[in-house]
């Protein structure tokens, strides 16, 4: 069995150019940036700032966001080179297929489905909770305590329909939501600046101290278990610990790379969309962090709703409603982009035969992979409605970092094996930057708990079993083909059913 057989780059590019099997090119740089900001800016900006400022970094949580943004930028540079040079659906899955082989590509695709499915389900439950608080809806149907979370299921189904109707329509909805939440975030930053007290920033880096509630057993991080490192709060160690946590506020920006096959000018627009997303997110995160720690002493922050409580403390409780509106808009766009991204990953895997090719069929009118989008929507709907995913939320983080690591590794490999590829955007100082990105991702992965690693390993083992029983035998490469023709996907070149 040749588990590491590879696709050729020219085959990937020909798939994207094929009118019968390719996705329609409808996106520009504004759409890509809107989709990126739409999936990145979510609950992290409203909760993580207060949690990490109070527990680990103090006002220096601003530095934590800067460090996390720098690590995300390293991975973003690698994504920008690959997405602009190999503009095809599937993102990290497709890049792994041509650089590291089919088995690694399957693992990455399986991993990314987990990342975005759990991410969408967790966010849908959060959306339901914010809506319940905003309109005083019955907690038996809305919020995390509901036995059947009707609110989470309803928003997932509605956004699944939007995702299936077309990428242009999805982009319009996302852009509108992004404008609302960015405008409110900027307003909160500007309004909060008037209540800042310089004394709350002193000391900016609190003195290092040991963690009071030290985790035990599988709840310890890998770094603590392997190297015997004690949990640390504040000081330099606290800043780095907080950076490992707030990094996950940046997760999801790689969804932009999944839209490369639908981008009109990928060589120009994809780097702008990827790096623009990270720039906007970093500015907003750091702005919120500096304001909230200046309004209230970090030790008095409410970890459940730090922004709203900070404004309550200074007598401006009116801001709580604005924050809830921004959160609802922010979470809506996150769910939508996650569903779109899962559909594109599944589409790429189905086109390669690793999943049944019929599920990747492109709708002749909407120009989207409706079947796989519908299947992913149903799965997320069930998860969000019936399963409390708090214990599994860290799987989103480790899945993101694992994908980042593989994408970073693909840069020097493809520079050597596919030197003739036209690269409109090139990672500077390669292979130093890709290696640095891989090391940074590995470091952050060691800051996740042993339990998270075990759950991740179990999910990958299940995926490996499916690949060996179905994917390997039905893969396009097993049948001597290079790329799936229209008849294999379910549509003719003219768009008619075959």
Protein backbone atom coordinates (compact mmCIF):
# COMPACT_ATOMS: atom_id res chain seq x y z
CA UNK A 1 0.00 0.00 0.00
CA UNK A 2 1.40 3.37 -1.05
CA UNK A 3 -0.03 5.47 1.77
CA UNK A 4 2.12 8.49 0.91
CA UNK A 5 1.35 8.73 -2.80
CA UNK A 6 1.11 12.34 -3.93
CA UNK A 7 -0.94 14.39 -6.33
CA UNK A 8 0.76 16.67 -8.79
CA UNK A 9 0.32 20.42 -8.46
CA UNK A 10 -0.77 20.73 -12.08
CA UNK A 11 -3.59 18.26 -11.37
CA UNK A 12 -4.82 20.39 -8.48
CA UNK A 13 -4.76 23.48 -10.65
CA UNK A 14 -6.57 21.73 -13.51
CA UNK A 15 -9.33 20.68 -11.09
CA UNK A 16 -9.91 24.28 -10.10
CA UNK A 17 -9.95 25.42 -13.75
CA UNK A 18 -12.43 22.73 -14.87
CA UNK A 19 -15.87 24.28 -15.48
CA UNK A 20 -17.55 21.00 -14.58
CA UNK A 21 -15.84 20.27 -11.28
CA UNK A 22 -14.52 23.65 -10.17
CA UNK A 23 -16.25 26.20 -7.98
CA UNK A 24 -17.41 29.54 -9.36
CA UNK A 25 -15.00 32.47 -8.98
CA UNK A 26 -16.95 35.25 -7.29
CA UNK A 27 -14.82 36.60 -4.43
CA UNK A 28 -12.56 39.65 -4.21
CA UNK A 29 -10.21 40.96 -1.48
CA UNK A 30 -13.00 42.70 0.49
CA UNK A 31 -15.07 39.50 0.51
CA UNK A 32 -12.09 37.41 1.64
CA UNK A 33 -11.19 39.84 4.42
CA UNK A 34 -14.83 39.94 5.51
CA UNK A 35 -15.00 36.14 5.65
CA UNK A 36 -11.72 36.04 7.59
CA UNK A 37 -12.71 38.67 10.14
CA UNK A 38 -16.14 37.07 10.27
CA UNK A 39 -14.75 33.75 11.50
CA UNK A 40 -11.90 35.10 13.68
CA UNK A 41 -13.65 37.83 15.70
CA UNK A 42 -16.04 35.95 17.96
CA UNK A 43 -16.43 35.40 21.69
CA UNK A 44 -12.67 35.66 22.15
CA UNK A 45 -12.72 39.44 22.01
CA UNK A 46 -15.48 39.58 24.65
CA UNK A 47 -14.22 36.94 27.11
CA UNK A 48 -10.60 35.86 26.67
CA UNK A 49 -9.23 39.32 27.42
CA UNK A 50 -10.69 39.40 30.92
CA UNK A 51 -9.97 35.76 31.75
CA UNK A 52 -6.29 35.90 30.83
CA UNK A 53 -5.72 39.36 32.30
CA UNK A 54 -7.11 38.24 35.66
CA UNK A 55 -5.58 34.76 35.81
CA UNK A 56 -2.23 34.97 34.02
CA UNK A 57 -0.94 38.24 32.57
CA UNK A 58 -2.55 41.32 34.12
CA UNK A 59 -2.47 44.40 31.84
CA UNK A 60 0.38 42.70 29.95
CA UNK A 61 -2.27 40.55 28.26
CA UNK A 62 -1.82 43.15 25.51
CA UNK A 63 1.66 41.68 24.95
CA UNK A 64 0.14 38.19 24.96
CA UNK A 65 -2.17 39.16 22.10
CA UNK A 66 0.79 40.65 20.24
CA UNK A 67 2.84 37.44 20.65
CA UNK A 68 -0.12 35.29 19.58
CA UNK A 69 -0.69 37.55 16.58
CA UNK A 70 2.97 37.21 15.58
CA UNK A 71 2.72 33.39 15.68
CA UNK A 72 -0.48 33.52 13.64
CA UNK A 73 1.31 35.81 11.17
CA UNK A 74 4.03 33.20 10.65
CA UNK A 75 1.42 30.61 9.70
CA UNK A 76 -0.45 33.25 7.70
CA UNK A 77 2.62 33.92 5.54
CA UNK A 78 2.87 30.19 4.75
CA UNK A 79 -0.83 30.02 3.89
CA UNK A 80 -0.48 33.09 1.67
CA UNK A 81 2.28 31.51 -0.44
CA UNK A 82 0.46 28.21 -0.89
CA UNK A 83 -2.99 29.71 -1.46
CA UNK A 84 -1.76 32.19 -4.08
CA UNK A 85 0.39 29.61 -5.88
CA UNK A 86 -2.02 26.65 -5.60
CA UNK A 87 -5.51 28.25 -5.60
CA UNK A 88 -7.71 25.23 -5.01
CA UNK A 89 -10.36 24.17 -2.51
CA UNK A 90 -9.26 22.20 0.54
CA UNK A 91 -6.55 24.49 1.90
CA UNK A 92 -4.17 22.53 4.17
CA UNK A 93 -5.66 19.22 2.96
CA UNK A 94 -4.74 19.97 -0.65
CA UNK A 95 -1.30 21.35 0.25
CA UNK A 96 -0.53 18.19 2.24
CA UNK A 97 -1.66 16.00 -0.68
CA UNK A 98 0.99 17.41 -3.02
CA UNK A 99 3.78 17.76 -0.43
CA UNK A 100 3.46 15.03 2.21
CA UNK A 101 1.20 12.43 0.59
CA UNK A 102 -2.33 11.04 0.72
CA UNK A 103 -2.37 9.66 4.26
CA UNK A 104 -1.20 12.94 5.77
CA UNK A 105 -3.70 14.80 3.56
CA UNK A 106 -6.54 12.60 4.82
CA UNK A 107 -5.48 13.15 8.44
CA UNK A 108 -5.42 16.91 7.90
CA UNK A 109 -8.79 16.93 6.14
CA UNK A 110 -10.32 14.81 8.89
CA UNK A 111 -8.71 17.06 11.50
CA UNK A 112 -10.06 20.25 9.88
CA UNK A 113 -13.59 18.84 9.70
CA UNK A 114 -13.37 18.24 13.45
CA UNK A 115 -11.97 21.74 14.04
CA UNK A 116 -14.70 23.59 12.18
CA UNK A 117 -17.59 21.29 13.18
CA UNK A 118 -16.86 21.59 16.89
CA UNK A 119 -16.07 25.27 16.50
CA UNK A 120 -19.42 25.93 14.83
CA UNK A 121 -21.32 23.86 17.42
CA UNK A 122 -19.67 25.54 20.42
CA UNK A 123 -20.25 28.99 18.94
CA UNK A 124 -23.88 28.17 18.13
CA UNK A 125 -24.48 27.34 21.79
CA UNK A 126 -22.79 30.59 22.77
CA UNK A 127 -24.97 32.49 20.26
CA UNK A 128 -28.07 30.96 21.84
CA UNK A 129 -26.92 32.06 25.29
CA UNK A 130 -26.27 35.67 24.22
CA UNK A 131 -29.67 35.82 22.51
CA UNK A 132 -31.34 34.49 25.63
CA UNK A 133 -29.71 37.17 27.76
CA UNK A 134 -30.44 39.95 25.27
CA UNK A 135 -34.18 39.22 24.93
CA UNK A 136 -34.85 37.31 28.20
CA UNK A 137 -35.85 34.19 26.30
CA UNK A 138 -36.77 30.94 28.15
CA UNK A 139 -33.57 29.20 29.36
CA UNK A 140 -35.22 25.82 28.78
CA UNK A 141 -34.88 26.43 25.02
CA UNK A 142 -31.94 28.84 24.79
CA UNK A 143 -28.54 28.85 26.48
CA UNK A 144 -26.11 26.15 27.53
CA UNK A 145 -28.38 24.78 30.29
CA UNK A 146 -31.17 23.85 27.86
CA UNK A 147 -31.76 20.11 27.46
CA UNK A 148 -32.48 20.66 23.77
CA UNK A 149 -30.86 23.89 22.65
CA UNK A 150 -33.47 25.07 20.16
CA UNK A 151 -31.74 28.39 19.62
CA UNK A 152 -28.44 26.78 18.61
CA UNK A 153 -30.15 24.32 16.29
CA UNK A 154 -32.27 27.01 14.64
CA UNK A 155 -29.39 29.38 13.85
CA UNK A 156 -27.29 26.50 12.49
CA UNK A 157 -30.06 25.39 10.11
CA UNK A 158 -30.71 28.93 8.89
CA UNK A 159 -27.03 29.59 8.22
CA UNK A 160 -26.66 26.20 6.56
CA UNK A 161 -29.31 27.28 4.04
CA UNK A 162 -27.44 30.58 3.48
CA UNK A 163 -24.18 28.68 2.91
CA UNK A 164 -25.87 26.40 0.36
CA UNK A 165 -27.46 29.28 -1.60
CA UNK A 166 -24.11 30.56 -2.89
CA UNK A 167 -20.76 31.95 -1.86
CA UNK A 168 -21.65 35.46 -3.05
CA UNK A 169 -24.78 35.52 -0.91
CA UNK A 170 -22.84 34.14 2.06
CA UNK A 171 -20.16 36.78 1.60
CA UNK A 172 -22.77 39.56 1.58
CA UNK A 173 -24.33 38.34 4.82
CA UNK A 174 -20.91 37.95 6.43
CA UNK A 175 -19.74 41.40 5.33
CA UNK A 176 -22.86 43.02 6.80
CA UNK A 177 -22.33 41.22 10.13
CA UNK A 178 -18.64 42.12 10.15
CA UNK A 179 -19.42 45.82 9.66
CA UNK A 180 -21.80 45.73 12.63
CA UNK A 181 -19.46 44.00 15.05
CA UNK A 182 -16.30 45.90 14.03
CA UNK A 183 -18.15 49.23 14.31
CA UNK A 184 -19.44 48.36 17.79
CA UNK A 185 -16.01 47.10 18.88
CA UNK A 186 -14.39 50.35 17.74
CA UNK A 187 -17.09 52.36 19.50
CA UNK A 188 -16.52 50.39 22.72
CA UNK A 189 -12.76 50.95 22.50
CA UNK A 190 -13.17 54.70 21.93
CA UNK A 191 -15.88 55.08 24.61
CA UNK A 192 -13.91 52.98 27.09
CA UNK A 193 -10.82 55.12 26.62
CA UNK A 194 -12.59 57.98 28.42
CA UNK A 195 -12.85 55.84 31.59
CA UNK A 196 -9.24 54.63 31.65
CA UNK A 197 -7.22 55.22 34.84
CA UNK A 198 -3.45 55.02 34.44
CA UNK A 199 -3.15 53.56 37.96
CA UNK A 200 -4.90 50.39 36.75
CA UNK A 201 -1.93 49.69 34.46
CA UNK A 202 0.51 49.69 37.35
CA UNK A 203 2.23 47.28 37.56
CA UNK A 204 1.90 46.57 33.85
CA UNK A 205 3.60 43.19 34.29
CA UNK A 206 2.57 41.85 37.75
CA UNK A 207 5.16 39.96 39.74
CA UNK A 208 5.40 36.26 38.97
CA UNK A 209 3.49 33.91 41.27
CA UNK A 210 2.64 30.22 41.36
CA UNK A 211 -0.81 29.08 40.29
CA UNK A 212 -3.16 28.50 43.22
CA UNK A 213 -5.24 25.73 41.68
CA UNK A 214 -2.61 23.49 40.11
CA UNK A 215 -4.14 20.93 37.70
CA UNK A 216 -3.63 17.24 38.29
CA UNK A 217 -3.44 14.09 36.14
CA UNK A 218 -4.61 14.39 32.54
CA UNK A 219 -5.63 18.01 33.12
CA UNK A 220 -1.95 18.98 33.25
CA UNK A 221 -0.41 20.34 30.09
CA UNK A 222 2.07 18.24 28.15
CA UNK A 223 4.84 20.70 29.03
CA UNK A 224 4.09 20.35 32.74
CA UNK A 225 3.99 16.54 32.55
CA UNK A 226 7.10 16.06 30.39
CA UNK A 227 9.37 18.81 31.67
CA UNK A 228 8.05 19.12 35.21
CA UNK A 229 7.23 22.80 34.72
CA UNK A 230 5.08 24.31 37.48
CA UNK A 231 1.95 26.26 36.46
CA UNK A 232 2.79 29.95 36.63
CA UNK A 233 0.70 33.10 36.86
CA UNK A 234 1.92 36.59 35.93
CA UNK A 235 5.47 37.62 35.11
CA UNK A 236 7.04 36.52 31.82
CA UNK A 237 5.76 32.97 32.28
CA UNK A 238 2.22 34.25 32.75
CA UNK A 239 2.45 36.36 29.59
CA UNK A 240 3.56 33.32 27.58
CA UNK A 241 0.86 31.12 29.13
CA UNK A 242 -1.76 33.71 28.25
CA UNK A 243 -0.34 33.93 24.71
CA UNK A 244 -0.89 30.17 24.27
CA UNK A 245 -4.53 30.62 25.31
CA UNK A 246 -5.40 33.81 23.41
CA UNK A 247 -3.75 32.44 20.27
CA UNK A 248 -6.91 30.49 19.73
CA UNK A 249 -8.78 33.76 19.31
CA UNK A 250 -6.99 33.88 15.94
CA UNK A 251 -8.00 30.38 14.88
CA UNK A 252 -10.17 30.16 11.80
CA UNK A 253 -8.38 32.66 9.57
CA UNK A 254 -7.21 29.72 7.45
CA UNK A 255 -10.82 29.54 6.23
CA UNK A 256 -9.81 32.29 3.78
CA UNK A 257 -7.42 29.86 2.06
CA UNK A 258 -10.30 27.43 1.58
CA UNK A 259 -11.98 30.01 -0.64
CA UNK A 260 -9.03 30.22 -3.05
CA UNK A 261 -10.78 28.29 -5.84
CA UNK A 262 -13.65 30.81 -5.68
CA UNK A 263 -11.38 33.87 -5.77
CA UNK A 264 -11.27 35.94 -8.95
CA UNK A 265 -7.60 36.95 -8.65
CA UNK A 266 -6.07 34.54 -6.10
CA UNK A 267 -2.46 35.62 -6.67
CA UNK A 268 -3.31 39.12 -5.44
CA UNK A 269 -6.43 38.76 -3.32
CA UNK A 270 -5.59 35.77 -1.11
CA UNK A 271 -2.49 37.29 0.55
CA UNK A 272 -4.48 40.50 1.08
CA UNK A 273 -7.39 38.59 2.62
CA UNK A 274 -5.24 36.41 4.89
CA UNK A 275 -2.87 39.09 6.16
CA UNK A 276 -5.62 41.74 6.28
CA UNK A 277 -7.68 39.47 8.53
CA UNK A 278 -4.79 39.03 10.96
CA UNK A 279 -3.99 42.75 11.00
CA UNK A 280 -7.59 43.78 11.78
CA UNK A 281 -7.99 41.07 14.42
CA UNK A 282 -4.73 41.98 16.18
CA UNK A 283 -5.60 45.69 16.32
CA UNK A 284 -9.07 44.99 17.74
CA UNK A 285 -7.84 42.44 20.28
CA UNK A 286 -5.06 44.70 21.55
CA UNK A 287 -7.39 47.71 21.62
CA UNK A 288 -9.96 45.89 23.74
CA UNK A 289 -7.25 44.52 26.04
CA UNK A 290 -5.64 47.90 26.73
CA UNK A 291 -9.01 49.57 27.36
CA UNK A 292 -10.57 46.96 29.64
CA UNK A 293 -7.47 46.64 31.84
CA UNK A 294 -7.30 50.44 32.05
CA UNK A 295 -10.96 50.80 33.08
CA UNK A 296 -10.83 48.24 35.90
CA UNK A 297 -7.97 46.74 37.87
CA UNK A 298 -7.19 43.32 36.38
CA UNK A 299 -7.84 41.59 39.71
CA UNK A 300 -11.44 42.86 39.76
CA UNK A 301 -12.39 41.79 36.25
CA UNK A 302 -15.44 39.54 35.86
CA UNK A 303 -14.26 36.52 33.84
CA UNK A 304 -17.77 35.73 32.59
CA UNK A 305 -18.44 39.13 31.01
CA UNK A 306 -15.36 41.33 31.46
CA UNK A 307 -16.36 44.07 29.03
CA UNK A 308 -19.93 44.51 30.25
CA UNK A 309 -18.86 44.40 33.90
CA UNK A 310 -16.08 46.94 33.25
CA UNK A 311 -18.61 49.41 31.87
CA UNK A 312 -20.98 48.64 34.78
CA UNK A 313 -18.18 49.45 37.21
CA UNK A 314 -17.66 52.92 35.71
CA UNK A 315 -21.41 53.63 35.56
CA UNK A 316 -21.92 53.03 31.84
CA UNK A 317 -24.12 49.95 31.91
CA UNK A 318 -25.71 50.98 28.59
CA UNK A 319 -22.69 49.43 26.88
CA UNK A 320 -23.82 45.95 27.92
CA UNK A 321 -26.59 45.96 25.30
CA UNK A 322 -24.16 47.04 22.58
CA UNK A 323 -21.74 44.30 23.60
CA UNK A 324 -24.51 41.67 23.39
CA UNK A 325 -25.53 42.92 19.92
CA UNK A 326 -21.91 42.79 18.74
CA UNK A 327 -21.55 39.29 20.21
CA UNK A 328 -24.69 38.01 18.43
CA UNK A 329 -23.50 39.48 15.11
CA UNK A 330 -19.99 38.18 15.67
CA UNK A 331 -21.04 34.66 16.50
CA UNK A 332 -23.47 34.49 13.58
CA UNK A 333 -20.68 35.16 11.09
CA UNK A 334 -18.40 32.60 12.79
CA UNK A 335 -21.00 29.83 12.43
CA UNK A 336 -21.64 30.73 8.79
CA UNK A 337 -17.98 30.73 7.74
CA UNK A 338 -17.33 27.45 9.61
CA UNK A 339 -20.16 25.74 7.68
CA UNK A 340 -18.89 27.15 4.37
CA UNK A 341 -15.35 25.98 5.14
CA UNK A 342 -16.42 22.44 6.04
CA UNK A 343 -18.30 22.24 2.76
CA UNK A 344 -15.19 23.21 0.79
CA UNK A 345 -12.97 20.72 2.61
CA UNK A 346 -15.50 17.93 2.10
CA UNK A 347 -15.88 18.95 -1.56
CA UNK A 348 -12.11 18.66 -2.15
CA UNK A 349 -11.94 15.25 -0.44
CA UNK A 350 -14.95 13.96 -2.41
CA UNK A 351 -13.45 15.19 -5.69
CA UNK A 352 -10.35 13.12 -4.89
CA UNK A 353 -12.46 10.04 -4.08
CA UNK A 354 -11.55 9.89 -0.38
CA UNK A 355 -15.22 10.52 0.35
CA UNK A 356 -18.09 9.38 -1.93
CA UNK A 357 -17.83 11.57 -5.03
CA UNK A 358 -21.59 12.06 -5.24
CA UNK A 359 -21.64 14.08 -2.01
CA UNK A 360 -19.33 16.66 -3.58
CA UNK A 361 -21.67 17.44 -6.48
CA UNK A 362 -21.90 21.14 -7.32
CA UNK A 363 -25.44 22.50 -7.63
CA UNK A 364 -26.02 23.77 -11.20
CA UNK A 365 -27.83 26.91 -10.00
CA UNK A 366 -26.14 27.82 -6.74
CA UNK A 367 -22.61 26.80 -7.71
CA UNK A 368 -21.97 25.31 -4.26
CA UNK A 369 -21.42 21.72 -2.99
CA UNK A 370 -24.95 21.50 -1.60
CA UNK A 371 -24.92 17.87 -0.45
CA UNK A 372 -21.77 18.02 1.65
CA UNK A 373 -22.82 21.42 3.01
CA UNK A 374 -26.19 19.96 4.04
CA UNK A 375 -24.54 16.94 5.66
CA UNK A 376 -22.16 19.13 7.67
CA UNK A 377 -25.04 21.41 8.69
CA UNK A 378 -27.06 18.48 10.01
CA UNK A 379 -24.06 17.20 12.00
CA UNK A 380 -23.40 20.62 13.57
CA UNK A 381 -27.12 21.06 14.28
CA UNK A 382 -27.26 17.81 16.26
CA UNK A 383 -24.05 18.56 18.13
CA UNK A 384 -25.13 22.09 19.06
CA UNK A 385 -28.59 20.99 20.10
CA UNK A 386 -27.85 17.99 22.28
CA UNK A 387 -24.20 17.95 23.34
CA UNK A 388 -22.45 20.26 25.79
CA UNK A 389 -19.08 20.65 24.16
CA UNK A 390 -17.09 22.38 26.90
CA UNK A 391 -14.85 19.35 27.46
CA UNK A 392 -14.17 19.08 23.72
CA UNK A 393 -13.59 22.75 22.95
CA UNK A 394 -9.80 22.44 23.19
CA UNK A 395 -9.92 20.00 20.28
CA UNK A 396 -10.59 23.04 18.09
CA UNK A 397 -7.30 24.51 19.27
CA UNK A 398 -5.12 21.45 18.77
CA UNK A 399 -6.70 20.81 15.38
CA UNK A 400 -5.90 24.35 14.26
CA UNK A 401 -2.29 24.16 15.41
CA UNK A 402 -1.79 20.78 13.77
CA UNK A 403 -3.02 22.16 10.44
CA UNK A 404 -0.74 25.21 10.83
CA UNK A 405 2.22 22.93 11.46
CA UNK A 406 1.58 20.89 8.31
CA UNK A 407 1.12 24.00 6.15
CA UNK A 408 4.40 25.43 7.48
CA UNK A 409 6.20 22.16 6.68
CA UNK A 410 4.80 22.17 3.14
CA UNK A 411 6.63 25.41 2.21
CA UNK A 412 10.24 24.13 2.18
CA UNK A 413 9.14 20.73 0.80
CA UNK A 414 7.34 22.26 -2.20
CA UNK A 415 10.14 24.78 -2.74
CA UNK A 416 12.36 21.76 -3.38
CA UNK A 417 10.01 19.31 -5.12
CA UNK A 418 7.92 21.81 -7.12
CA UNK A 419 10.41 24.56 -7.84
CA UNK A 420 8.67 25.48 -11.10
CA UNK A 421 5.41 26.60 -9.49
CA UNK A 422 4.61 30.27 -10.07
CA UNK A 423 4.55 31.85 -6.61
CA UNK A 424 3.01 35.35 -6.72
CA UNK A 425 3.61 35.62 -2.96
CA UNK A 426 6.69 34.10 -1.32
CA UNK A 427 7.40 33.60 2.36
CA UNK A 428 10.49 35.71 3.16
CA UNK A 429 13.59 34.05 4.61
CA UNK A 430 12.49 30.50 3.85
CA UNK A 431 13.11 27.95 5.35
CA UNK A 432 13.78 29.98 8.52
CA UNK A 433 10.24 31.44 8.78
CA UNK A 434 8.44 28.10 8.12
CA UNK A 435 10.66 26.30 10.65
CA UNK A 436 10.04 29.05 13.21
CA UNK A 437 6.31 28.72 12.56
CA UNK A 438 6.46 24.94 13.11
CA UNK A 439 8.36 25.36 16.38
CA UNK A 440 5.92 28.01 17.61
CA UNK A 441 2.96 25.74 16.83
CA UNK A 442 4.60 22.81 18.63
CA UNK A 443 5.28 25.00 21.66
CA UNK A 444 1.65 26.09 21.86
CA UNK A 445 0.48 22.50 21.43
CA UNK A 446 2.55 21.48 24.47
CA UNK A 447 0.53 24.00 26.47
CA UNK A 448 -2.64 21.98 25.90
CA UNK A 449 -3.73 19.32 28.35
CA UNK A 450 -2.94 15.63 28.14
CA UNK A 451 -6.68 14.93 27.98
CA UNK A 452 -6.94 17.09 24.86
CA UNK A 453 -4.10 15.16 23.20
CA UNK A 454 -5.77 11.84 24.03
CA UNK A 455 -9.11 12.93 22.56
CA UNK A 456 -7.33 14.22 19.47
CA UNK A 457 -5.50 10.91 19.05
CA UNK A 458 -8.80 9.01 19.33
CA UNK A 459 -10.39 11.15 16.61
CA UNK A 460 -7.39 10.64 14.30
CA UNK A 461 -7.50 6.87 14.93
CA UNK A 462 -11.17 6.80 13.88
CA UNK A 463 -10.28 8.76 10.76
CA UNK A 464 -7.43 6.39 9.93
CA UNK A 465 -9.81 3.43 10.15
CA UNK A 466 -12.25 5.09 7.72
CA UNK A 467 -9.40 5.88 5.32
CA UNK A 468 -8.11 2.30 5.32
CA UNK A 469 -11.58 0.79 4.89
CA UNK A 470 -12.89 3.23 2.26
CA UNK A 471 -10.71 6.17 1.28
CA UNK A 472 -7.60 4.33 0.10
CA UNK A 473 -9.45 1.94 -2.22
CA UNK A 474 -11.78 4.58 -3.70
CA UNK A 475 -9.24 7.38 -4.05
CA UNK A 476 -8.81 8.76 -7.55
CA UNK A 477 -5.13 7.82 -7.44
CA UNK A 478 -6.06 4.18 -6.76
CA UNK A 479 -7.91 4.11 -10.06
CA UNK A 480 -5.01 5.48 -12.07
CA UNK A 481 -6.66 8.89 -12.45
CA UNK A 482 -5.18 12.30 -11.88
CA UNK A 483 -8.26 14.40 -11.28
CA UNK A 484 -11.96 13.68 -11.09
CA UNK A 485 -13.85 14.53 -14.26
CA UNK A 486 -17.34 16.04 -14.24
CA UNK A 487 -18.97 12.67 -14.61
CA UNK A 488 -17.34 11.52 -11.40
CA UNK A 489 -18.75 14.41 -9.40
CA UNK A 490 -22.30 14.20 -10.63
CA UNK A 491 -22.53 17.10 -13.10
CA UNK A 492 -21.69 17.46 -16.75
CA UNK A 493 -19.76 20.47 -18.01
CA UNK A 494 -22.99 22.09 -18.96
CA UNK A 495 -24.30 21.66 -15.44
CA UNK A 496 -26.76 18.83 -16.15
CA UNK A 497 -27.06 15.70 -14.04
CA UNK A 498 -25.29 12.60 -15.34
